[in-house]
Amino acid sequence: MQIKIALILSIILFEWSNADKLLFIQAIWRHGSRTPVNCNWNCEYFLQNDLLNGELTPTGMRQHFSLGQWMKKRYIKDYKLLNETYNASEIVVYSTDVNRTIMSAMSNLQGMYSNNGPNIPNVSDNYLIPPNPGAKSPTDIGQSAIHYNLQILPIHMKEAITDEGLLSILICPKGYEMFSQNMESNLTMNVIQKAQNTLTQFCNEMNIDPLEFNIFTLTEYMDTFYSCIYNDYPMPSTLTQTTFKQADSLYALTIALQLYQTWQQISIFSSPFFESLLSYFDSALNQSQIQNQYKYIIYSAHDINVQLIASALNFTSAECMAQVYLGQEVNNKNCIYTYPGFASNIIWELWQDDISHDHYIKILYNGTEMNLCNTDSKQCSYQLFKQLILNQKYDFQKECQDIDPIIQQKVPIWMTTLIIIFLVIFLALLFYICYLFRQLKQKNIKTLNEDQRNLNQYYDS
């Protein structure tokens, strides 16, 4: 018995001493639950309650707080990749310039570092207050810098028109041409034909004109319904569970069908993101001897980002999702045929083999390790992974440079108003000057005629 125990302990000790090392992680996620963004079902209710704005809800905050705690357990407690307290040299956070993605990142990081913020140094209270008259340092929070010992973290954003990494699909006008082509493709037509009964039933139950309805407008309704379900907003009493489930199975594939139907589309729009991803991985490997290097890169984004990157990694595709919907044989072994719901996430882990010291990648989709590099393995050597990504890479700038961007910077309303007023005044002044000039010209002609007449009379006399 003692021999068996000793043998088991020796095996455990051997495996522990020869464990591979986690070096670096990157993650992209969708924001948490939000308010609706489409004015369709119950629009007046959402407008009256200021809810038609796509803002992160308390449900969405909790979702990302919980995801942050999941990340904390895996990467702080279990693998000990990150410090228990926030270290600015370890983490970089990027977000699209949208409230719900920014607040999702904040909520997520509070889950990782909740109640573990910094304490103030032993300095005079005079140094803890702003120069405003009457300002006081709170006395009920002890040494915590902020109440409840919260940890504040920086989040980096780019203006939408310059955010190639996370908003490439909106920046490149070529995408809008592709969207139009996708909506008329054979694959789309097959799905539309299969969906006719669902669309008809949905319109009947929701009292909608079927002539102004298609699978993409259905998606907008389903988007609203998911906001209702997750946030306890009213749902239509006339919509049956059967019709909802049928519509939901269609809703799952519409983003891929509309935006990412071909491999070229996927490759073009994912290239800027993968350029950033590989750059951080390469930096991590080249600086492996440097202390306090970055260990965790975060991208807080949207459903279209998660769907795009999952497609680029061959975890899913519009084709395989359509095959599931149409009841056909599915060719893609990895096919994720569900919609990337709130807080869906993809995590890349860079590991080093303890024996060979080679580097390899693991990728988790919503916490589940995926088969990689077109194999049945959960691991892929970093060099092979990198080469596969580079093989599908497009020159995003070249593909999109010929047409001016669709997204334009917004001009403030006050500036637009001033410009209009200026133009009105300018035109009025211009007409007035023309009027004076015409009057003066007529007066001069009249005077000249009188002078000529007087001169003629003089000679006649």
Protein backbone atom coordinates (compact mmCIF):
# COMPACT_ATOMS: atom_id res chain seq x y z
CA MET A 1 0.00 0.00 0.00
CA GLN A 2 2.77 2.41 0.96
CA ILE A 3 4.60 1.51 -2.25
CA LYS A 4 1.53 2.37 -4.32
CA ILE A 5 1.13 5.73 -2.56
CA ALA A 6 4.81 6.52 -3.08
CA LEU A 7 4.51 5.60 -6.78
CA ILE A 8 1.46 7.81 -7.27
CA LEU A 9 3.17 10.72 -5.52
CA SER A 10 6.29 10.28 -7.64
CA ILE A 11 4.20 10.30 -10.84
CA ILE A 12 2.38 13.46 -9.74
CA LEU A 13 5.67 15.10 -8.80
CA PHE A 14 7.19 14.13 -12.17
CA GLU A 15 4.23 15.54 -14.11
CA TRP A 16 4.26 18.71 -12.04
CA SER A 17 7.99 19.24 -12.52
CA ASN A 18 7.64 18.65 -16.30
CA ALA A 19 4.54 20.78 -16.81
CA ASP A 20 4.37 23.00 -19.88
CA LYS A 21 4.45 26.72 -19.21
CA LEU A 22 1.76 29.22 -20.15
CA LEU A 23 3.50 32.36 -21.43
CA PHE A 24 0.92 34.71 -22.86
CA ILE A 25 -2.81 35.08 -23.63
CA GLN A 26 -5.01 37.21 -25.85
CA ALA A 27 -8.80 37.43 -25.81
CA ILE A 28 -11.55 38.95 -27.89
CA TRP A 29 -15.10 39.06 -26.61
CA ARG A 30 -18.53 40.42 -27.36
CA HIS A 31 -19.98 42.97 -24.98
CA GLY A 32 -22.56 41.90 -22.43
CA SER A 33 -26.33 42.22 -22.64
CA ARG A 34 -27.55 45.61 -23.83
CA THR A 35 -30.71 47.58 -24.46
CA PRO A 36 -32.28 47.30 -27.95
CA VAL A 37 -30.92 49.18 -30.96
CA ASN A 38 -33.73 48.61 -33.47
CA CYS A 39 -37.05 50.44 -33.44
CA ASN A 40 -39.45 47.59 -34.19
CA TRP A 41 -41.24 45.64 -31.47
CA ASN A 42 -42.63 47.88 -28.68
CA CYS A 43 -40.62 50.83 -29.96
CA GLU A 44 -42.63 53.47 -28.09
CA TYR A 45 -41.99 51.70 -24.77
CA PHE A 46 -38.23 51.68 -25.32
CA LEU A 47 -38.18 55.31 -26.49
CA GLN A 48 -40.26 56.52 -23.54
CA ASN A 49 -37.94 54.74 -21.10
CA ASP A 50 -34.77 55.88 -22.90
CA LEU A 51 -33.84 52.27 -23.64
CA LEU A 52 -33.38 52.36 -27.43
CA ASN A 53 -29.68 53.17 -27.23
CA GLY A 54 -27.70 49.92 -27.10
CA GLU A 55 -26.26 50.63 -23.65
CA LEU A 56 -24.86 47.91 -21.41
CA THR A 57 -27.41 46.75 -18.84
CA PRO A 58 -26.88 45.45 -15.29
CA THR A 59 -27.29 41.95 -16.75
CA GLY A 60 -24.46 42.66 -19.18
CA MET A 61 -22.27 43.99 -16.37
CA ARG A 62 -22.85 40.81 -14.36
CA GLN A 63 -22.08 38.62 -17.39
CA HIS A 64 -18.68 40.20 -17.86
CA PHE A 65 -17.97 40.38 -14.15
CA SER A 66 -18.55 36.61 -14.05
CA LEU A 67 -16.34 36.11 -17.11
CA GLY A 68 -13.66 38.14 -15.36
CA GLN A 69 -13.88 35.85 -12.34
CA TRP A 70 -13.57 32.82 -14.66
CA MET A 71 -10.43 34.40 -16.15
CA LYS A 72 -9.13 35.11 -12.64
CA LYS A 73 -9.47 31.48 -11.61
CA ARG A 74 -7.78 30.17 -14.73
CA TYR A 75 -4.99 32.69 -15.24
CA ILE A 76 -4.31 34.09 -11.77
CA LYS A 77 -5.07 31.21 -9.41
CA ASP A 78 -4.61 28.04 -11.49
CA TYR A 79 -1.88 28.92 -14.00
CA LYS A 80 -0.46 31.89 -12.09
CA LEU A 81 0.22 33.78 -15.31
CA LEU A 82 -0.89 37.12 -13.90
CA ASN A 83 -0.31 38.85 -10.60
CA GLU A 84 -3.11 38.80 -8.05
CA THR A 85 -3.08 42.60 -8.07
CA TYR A 86 -3.23 44.70 -11.21
CA ASN A 87 0.13 45.28 -12.87
CA ALA A 88 0.11 47.87 -15.65
CA SER A 89 3.02 46.16 -17.39
CA GLU A 90 1.06 42.91 -17.79
CA ILE A 91 -2.27 43.91 -19.34
CA VAL A 92 -3.33 46.02 -22.33
CA VAL A 93 -7.04 46.58 -23.01
CA TYR A 94 -8.46 47.72 -26.35
CA SER A 95 -12.10 48.50 -26.99
CA THR A 96 -14.19 49.92 -29.78
CA ASP A 97 -15.30 53.46 -29.03
CA VAL A 98 -18.77 52.36 -27.92
CA ASN A 99 -20.15 52.62 -24.39
CA ARG A 100 -21.23 48.98 -24.10
CA THR A 101 -17.84 47.57 -25.11
CA ILE A 102 -15.96 49.97 -22.83
CA MET A 103 -18.21 49.20 -19.87
CA SER A 104 -17.99 45.44 -20.59
CA ALA A 105 -14.20 45.65 -20.33
CA MET A 106 -14.54 47.58 -17.06
CA SER A 107 -16.95 45.00 -15.64
CA ASN A 108 -14.76 42.11 -16.76
CA LEU A 109 -11.64 43.52 -15.15
CA GLN A 110 -13.50 44.21 -11.91
CA GLY A 111 -14.26 40.51 -11.88
CA MET A 112 -10.55 39.77 -12.15
CA TYR A 113 -9.41 42.29 -9.56
CA SER A 114 -12.52 42.82 -7.41
CA ASN A 115 -11.83 44.11 -3.89
CA ASN A 116 -8.13 44.02 -4.62
CA GLY A 117 -7.34 47.63 -5.43
CA PRO A 118 -4.43 49.68 -4.11
CA ASN A 119 -4.08 51.40 -0.73
CA ILE A 120 -3.04 55.00 -0.28
CA PRO A 121 0.47 55.72 1.02
CA ASN A 122 1.16 57.08 4.48
CA VAL A 123 0.92 60.76 3.55
CA SER A 124 -0.83 63.81 4.94
CA ASP A 125 -4.54 64.21 4.17
CA ASN A 126 -3.65 67.43 2.40
CA TYR A 127 -2.16 65.36 -0.39
CA LEU A 128 -5.31 63.24 -0.78
CA ILE A 129 -7.71 66.02 -1.79
CA PRO A 130 -8.08 68.32 -4.82
CA PRO A 131 -7.50 72.09 -4.48
CA ASN A 132 -11.25 72.80 -4.39
CA PRO A 133 -12.51 74.71 -1.33
CA GLY A 134 -14.24 72.43 1.17
CA ALA A 135 -12.96 69.21 -0.41
CA LYS A 136 -12.35 66.42 2.12
CA SER A 137 -10.83 62.97 2.03
CA PRO A 138 -13.39 60.30 3.08
CA THR A 139 -12.79 58.85 6.51
CA ASP A 140 -14.95 55.71 6.22
CA ILE A 141 -12.92 53.74 3.63
CA GLY A 142 -9.71 53.23 5.57
CA GLN A 143 -6.56 53.00 3.48
CA SER A 144 -8.36 51.99 0.27
CA ALA A 145 -7.71 54.40 -2.56
CA ILE A 146 -11.34 54.01 -3.68
CA HIS A 147 -14.42 52.80 -1.83
CA TYR A 148 -14.77 48.98 -1.72
CA ASN A 149 -11.11 48.70 -2.70
CA LEU A 150 -11.93 48.97 -6.41
CA GLN A 151 -9.18 48.72 -9.02
CA ILE A 152 -9.27 51.17 -11.92
CA LEU A 153 -7.73 50.03 -15.23
CA PRO A 154 -6.98 51.96 -18.43
CA ILE A 155 -8.86 51.12 -21.62
CA HIS A 156 -7.55 52.19 -25.03
CA MET A 157 -9.87 53.21 -27.87
CA LYS A 158 -9.60 54.47 -31.42
CA GLU A 159 -12.04 56.62 -33.34
CA ALA A 160 -14.25 54.35 -35.45
CA ILE A 161 -12.89 55.63 -38.75
CA THR A 162 -9.32 54.61 -37.80
CA ASP A 163 -10.04 51.34 -35.96
CA GLU A 164 -8.95 48.81 -38.59
CA GLY A 165 -8.36 46.07 -36.05
CA LEU A 166 -11.91 45.92 -34.67
CA LEU A 167 -14.05 47.83 -37.17
CA SER A 168 -12.46 46.86 -40.49
CA ILE A 169 -15.79 45.76 -41.91
CA LEU A 170 -17.27 49.24 -41.41
CA ILE A 171 -14.24 51.18 -42.58
CA CYS A 172 -13.79 49.40 -45.92
CA PRO A 173 -16.51 50.39 -48.43
CA LYS A 174 -15.74 47.24 -50.39
CA GLY A 175 -17.65 45.43 -47.67
CA TYR A 176 -20.89 47.10 -48.68
CA GLU A 177 -20.51 45.79 -52.21
CA MET A 178 -19.89 42.32 -50.81
CA PHE A 179 -22.96 42.54 -48.56
CA SER A 180 -25.15 43.24 -51.61
CA GLN A 181 -23.65 40.27 -53.42
CA ASN A 182 -24.15 38.02 -50.39
CA MET A 183 -27.84 38.86 -50.19
CA GLU A 184 -28.33 37.59 -53.75
CA SER A 185 -26.10 34.49 -53.58
CA ASN A 186 -27.37 30.95 -54.16
CA LEU A 187 -26.68 30.08 -50.52
CA THR A 188 -28.82 32.98 -49.33
CA MET A 189 -31.59 32.09 -51.78
CA ASN A 190 -31.65 28.50 -50.50
CA VAL A 191 -31.97 29.69 -46.91
CA ILE A 192 -34.69 32.19 -47.84
CA GLN A 193 -36.67 29.47 -49.61
CA LYS A 194 -36.44 27.19 -46.57
CA ALA A 195 -37.40 30.09 -44.26
CA GLN A 196 -40.61 31.12 -46.02
CA ASN A 197 -42.97 29.25 -43.68
CA THR A 198 -41.18 30.65 -40.63
CA LEU A 199 -41.31 34.20 -42.01
CA THR A 200 -45.00 33.89 -42.85
CA GLN A 201 -45.90 32.52 -39.43
CA PHE A 202 -43.80 35.17 -37.70
CA CYS A 203 -45.51 37.97 -39.64
CA ASN A 204 -48.96 36.54 -38.87
CA GLU A 205 -48.29 36.36 -35.14
CA MET A 206 -46.61 39.78 -35.01
CA ASN A 207 -49.09 41.49 -37.38
CA ILE A 208 -46.35 42.52 -39.82
CA ASP A 209 -46.70 43.09 -43.57
CA PRO A 210 -44.87 40.09 -45.12
CA LEU A 211 -44.11 42.09 -48.27
CA GLU A 212 -41.77 44.29 -46.25
CA PHE A 213 -40.14 41.45 -44.33
CA ASN A 214 -37.18 39.12 -44.95
CA ILE A 215 -34.66 37.04 -43.00
CA PHE A 216 -32.55 40.12 -42.25
CA THR A 217 -35.42 42.17 -40.82
CA LEU A 218 -36.29 39.07 -38.80
CA THR A 219 -32.78 39.29 -37.36
CA GLU A 220 -33.48 42.83 -36.13
CA TYR A 221 -36.63 41.64 -34.35
CA MET A 222 -34.79 38.71 -32.76
CA ASP A 223 -32.05 41.08 -31.61
CA THR A 224 -34.71 43.13 -29.82
CA PHE A 225 -36.26 40.00 -28.31
CA TYR A 226 -32.94 38.87 -26.86
CA SER A 227 -32.55 42.27 -25.21
CA CYS A 228 -36.03 41.74 -23.75
CA ILE A 229 -35.29 38.21 -22.52
CA TYR A 230 -32.00 39.07 -20.87
CA ASN A 231 -33.23 42.27 -19.24
CA ASP A 232 -36.81 41.42 -18.24
CA TYR A 233 -38.43 43.75 -20.77
CA PRO A 234 -41.92 42.93 -22.11
CA MET A 235 -42.16 40.27 -24.83
CA PRO A 236 -44.97 40.01 -27.43
CA SER A 237 -47.76 37.85 -26.08
CA THR A 238 -48.80 36.78 -29.60
CA LEU A 239 -45.46 35.16 -30.48
CA THR A 240 -45.53 31.42 -29.79
CA GLN A 241 -42.57 29.43 -28.49
CA THR A 242 -42.62 27.26 -31.62
CA THR A 243 -42.29 30.25 -33.94
CA PHE A 244 -39.65 31.84 -31.72
CA LYS A 245 -37.50 28.69 -31.83
CA GLN A 246 -37.83 28.47 -35.62
CA ALA A 247 -36.89 32.13 -35.95
CA ASP A 248 -34.00 31.65 -33.54
CA SER A 249 -32.44 28.89 -35.64
CA LEU A 250 -32.57 31.27 -38.61
CA TYR A 251 -31.23 34.18 -36.57
CA ALA A 252 -28.12 32.17 -35.71
CA LEU A 253 -26.74 32.23 -39.25
CA THR A 254 -27.84 35.61 -40.64
CA ILE A 255 -24.73 37.57 -39.60
CA ALA A 256 -22.43 35.07 -41.31
CA LEU A 257 -24.76 34.89 -44.30
CA GLN A 258 -24.85 38.65 -44.74
CA LEU A 259 -21.29 39.64 -43.82
CA TYR A 260 -18.89 36.71 -44.11
CA GLN A 261 -20.07 34.38 -46.84
CA THR A 262 -16.83 33.86 -48.77
CA TRP A 263 -13.29 33.09 -47.69
CA GLN A 264 -12.08 36.27 -49.39
CA GLN A 265 -14.43 38.40 -47.30
CA ILE A 266 -13.34 36.66 -44.12
CA SER A 267 -9.66 37.04 -44.94
CA ILE A 268 -9.83 40.71 -45.91
CA PHE A 269 -11.73 41.83 -42.84
CA SER A 270 -9.81 39.69 -40.35
CA SER A 271 -6.33 40.61 -41.61
CA PRO A 272 -5.88 43.81 -39.51
CA PHE A 273 -6.88 41.98 -36.33
CA PHE A 274 -4.55 39.04 -36.96
CA GLU A 275 -1.72 41.44 -37.74
CA SER A 276 -2.08 42.80 -34.20
CA LEU A 277 -2.51 39.32 -32.71
CA LEU A 278 0.65 37.91 -34.31
CA SER A 279 2.62 41.04 -33.49
CA TYR A 280 1.92 40.61 -29.77
CA PHE A 281 2.72 36.89 -29.90
CA ASP A 282 6.03 37.56 -31.67
CA SER A 283 6.91 40.27 -29.15
CA ALA A 284 6.17 37.89 -26.29
CA LEU A 285 8.52 35.27 -27.77
CA ASN A 286 11.28 37.74 -28.62
CA GLN A 287 11.15 39.28 -25.15
CA SER A 288 10.85 36.06 -23.17
CA GLN A 289 13.87 37.00 -21.09
CA ILE A 290 12.53 40.44 -20.15
CA GLN A 291 10.70 40.77 -16.87
CA ASN A 292 7.29 42.48 -16.57
CA GLN A 293 6.41 42.13 -20.25
CA TYR A 294 2.81 42.12 -21.43
CA LYS A 295 1.05 38.86 -20.67
CA TYR A 296 -2.59 39.56 -21.48
CA ILE A 297 -4.04 41.52 -24.43
CA ILE A 298 -7.78 42.20 -24.49
CA TYR A 299 -10.06 43.25 -27.36
CA SER A 300 -13.56 44.26 -26.23
CA ALA A 301 -15.80 44.26 -29.27
CA HIS A 302 -19.02 43.02 -30.88
CA ASP A 303 -20.82 39.95 -32.23
CA ILE A 304 -19.59 40.71 -35.77
CA ASN A 305 -15.99 40.52 -34.47
CA VAL A 306 -16.41 37.18 -32.69
CA GLN A 307 -18.22 35.73 -35.71
CA LEU A 308 -15.53 37.01 -38.08
CA ILE A 309 -12.57 35.67 -36.10
CA ALA A 310 -14.27 32.33 -35.44
CA SER A 311 -14.83 32.03 -39.19
CA ALA A 312 -11.21 32.95 -39.94
CA LEU A 313 -10.05 30.24 -37.52
CA ASN A 314 -12.30 27.75 -39.35
CA PHE A 315 -14.42 27.18 -36.26
CA THR A 316 -17.53 28.04 -38.25
CA SER A 317 -18.70 29.40 -41.60
CA ALA A 318 -21.82 30.67 -43.33
CA GLU A 319 -21.79 27.48 -45.39
CA CYS A 320 -21.71 25.04 -42.47
CA MET A 321 -24.29 27.06 -40.52
CA ALA A 322 -26.57 27.02 -43.56
CA GLN A 323 -26.00 23.27 -43.92
CA VAL A 324 -27.19 22.79 -40.34
CA TYR A 325 -30.26 24.95 -40.99
CA LEU A 326 -31.06 23.22 -44.28
CA GLY A 327 -30.62 19.76 -42.76
CA GLN A 328 -27.68 18.90 -45.01
CA GLU A 329 -24.47 17.04 -44.24
CA VAL A 330 -22.04 19.36 -42.44
CA ASN A 331 -18.53 19.43 -43.91
CA ASN A 332 -16.80 21.47 -41.20
CA LYS A 333 -15.99 19.30 -38.15
CA ASN A 334 -15.67 22.39 -35.95
CA CYS A 335 -18.90 24.03 -37.10
CA ILE A 336 -20.21 26.32 -34.37
CA TYR A 337 -23.77 26.86 -35.57
CA THR A 338 -24.99 28.97 -32.65
CA TYR A 339 -25.03 32.77 -32.61
CA PRO A 340 -22.18 34.49 -30.70
CA GLY A 341 -24.33 35.63 -27.80
CA PHE A 342 -23.61 38.24 -25.16
CA ALA A 343 -20.13 37.88 -23.60
CA SER A 344 -19.08 35.21 -26.13
CA ASN A 345 -15.30 35.04 -26.25
CA ILE A 346 -12.26 33.58 -27.96
CA ILE A 347 -9.01 33.12 -25.99
CA TRP A 348 -5.58 32.34 -27.44
CA GLU A 349 -3.02 30.74 -25.12
CA LEU A 350 0.69 30.64 -26.00
CA TRP A 351 2.46 27.72 -24.32
CA GLN A 352 6.03 26.44 -24.13
CA ASP A 353 6.70 22.72 -24.11
CA ASP A 354 8.72 21.84 -21.01
CA ILE A 355 10.89 19.25 -22.79
CA SER A 356 11.38 20.51 -26.33
CA HIS A 357 10.90 24.20 -25.43
CA ASP A 358 8.86 24.58 -28.60
CA HIS A 359 5.91 26.96 -28.56
CA TYR A 360 2.35 26.01 -29.34
CA ILE A 361 -1.12 27.54 -29.34
CA LYS A 362 -4.37 26.58 -27.67
CA ILE A 363 -7.62 28.37 -28.49
CA LEU A 364 -10.75 28.36 -26.35
CA TYR A 365 -14.18 29.32 -27.67
CA ASN A 366 -16.43 30.17 -24.72
CA GLY A 367 -14.10 28.18 -22.49
CA THR A 368 -13.95 25.04 -24.66
CA GLU A 369 -10.67 24.02 -26.32
CA MET A 370 -11.05 23.81 -30.08
CA ASN A 371 -9.42 21.63 -32.74
CA LEU A 372 -6.73 23.68 -34.46
CA CYS A 373 -4.84 24.02 -37.73
CA ASN A 374 -7.21 21.77 -39.68
CA THR A 375 -6.43 18.79 -37.43
CA ASP A 376 -8.11 16.88 -34.60
CA SER A 377 -5.56 18.21 -32.12
CA LYS A 378 -6.23 20.83 -29.45
CA GLN A 379 -2.69 22.13 -29.90
CA CYS A 380 -0.91 23.67 -32.87
CA SER A 381 2.71 24.73 -33.10
CA TYR A 382 2.98 28.48 -33.11
CA GLN A 383 4.97 28.53 -36.33
CA LEU A 384 2.33 26.48 -38.16
CA PHE A 385 -0.48 28.60 -36.72
CA LYS A 386 1.32 31.77 -37.77
CA GLN A 387 1.99 30.46 -41.28
CA LEU A 388 -1.65 29.49 -41.77
CA ILE A 389 -2.74 32.99 -40.73
CA LEU A 390 -0.18 34.63 -43.02
CA ASN A 391 -1.27 32.43 -45.92
CA GLN A 392 -4.80 33.83 -45.73
CA LYS A 393 -3.72 37.42 -45.06
CA TYR A 394 -4.78 40.23 -47.42
CA ASP A 395 -3.40 43.76 -47.72
CA PHE A 396 -6.31 45.54 -46.10
CA GLN A 397 -5.10 49.01 -47.13
CA LYS A 398 -4.71 47.98 -50.75
CA GLU A 399 -8.11 46.29 -50.85
CA CYS A 400 -9.86 49.35 -49.44
CA GLN A 401 -7.86 52.33 -50.68
CA ASP A 402 -9.65 52.95 -53.98
CA ILE A 403 -12.90 54.14 -52.45
CA ASP A 404 -13.44 56.84 -49.87
CA PRO A 405 -14.57 55.44 -46.51
CA ILE A 406 -18.29 55.19 -45.92
CA ILE A 407 -17.94 56.28 -42.32
CA GLN A 408 -17.45 60.01 -42.04
CA GLN A 409 -16.58 62.04 -39.01
CA LYS A 410 -19.67 63.61 -37.53
CA VAL A 411 -19.97 67.40 -37.77
CA PRO A 412 -21.41 68.96 -34.59
CA ILE A 413 -24.97 70.25 -34.91
CA TRP A 414 -23.98 73.74 -33.80
CA MET A 415 -21.35 73.92 -36.53
CA THR A 416 -23.83 72.76 -39.16
CA THR A 417 -26.32 75.39 -37.97
CA LEU A 418 -23.72 78.17 -38.16
CA ILE A 419 -22.70 77.10 -41.66
CA ILE A 420 -26.33 77.18 -42.83
CA ILE A 421 -26.91 80.62 -41.26
CA PHE A 422 -23.72 81.93 -42.85
CA LEU A 423 -24.75 80.61 -46.28
CA VAL A 424 -28.23 82.18 -45.96
CA ILE A 425 -26.75 85.57 -44.99
CA PHE A 426 -24.15 85.33 -47.75
CA LEU A 427 -26.77 84.51 -50.40
CA ALA A 428 -29.08 87.26 -49.16
CA LEU A 429 -26.23 89.77 -49.27
CA LEU A 430 -25.25 88.57 -52.74
CA PHE A 431 -28.81 89.02 -54.04
CA TYR A 432 -28.99 92.47 -52.43
CA ILE A 433 -25.74 93.54 -54.08
CA CYS A 434 -26.99 92.25 -57.42
CA TYR A 435 -30.22 94.19 -56.88
CA LEU A 436 -28.34 97.42 -56.08
CA PHE A 437 -26.08 96.92 -59.06
CA ARG A 438 -29.09 96.42 -61.31
CA GLN A 439 -30.83 99.50 -59.92
CA LEU A 440 -27.67 101.56 -60.35
CA LYS A 441 -27.25 100.29 -63.89
CA GLN A 442 -30.83 101.20 -64.76
CA LYS A 443 -30.40 104.64 -63.21
CA ASN A 444 -27.23 105.24 -65.22
CA ILE A 445 -28.97 104.16 -68.40
CA LYS A 446 -31.88 106.48 -67.62
CA THR A 447 -29.53 109.40 -66.92
CA LEU A 448 -27.60 108.69 -70.11
CA ASN A 449 -30.81 108.66 -72.14
CA GLU A 450 -31.92 111.98 -70.64
CA ASP A 451 -28.52 113.53 -71.39
CA GLN A 452 -28.74 112.25 -74.95
CA ARG A 453 -32.22 113.63 -75.33
CA ASN A 454 -31.18 117.03 -73.99
CA LEU A 455 -28.20 117.05 -76.31
CA ASN A 456 -30.40 116.28 -79.30
CA GLN A 457 -32.78 119.07 -78.34
CA TYR A 458 -29.84 121.46 -78.10
CA TYR A 459 -28.66 120.67 -81.62
CA ASP A 460 -32.21 120.81 -82.97
CA SER A 461 -32.57 124.29 -81.59
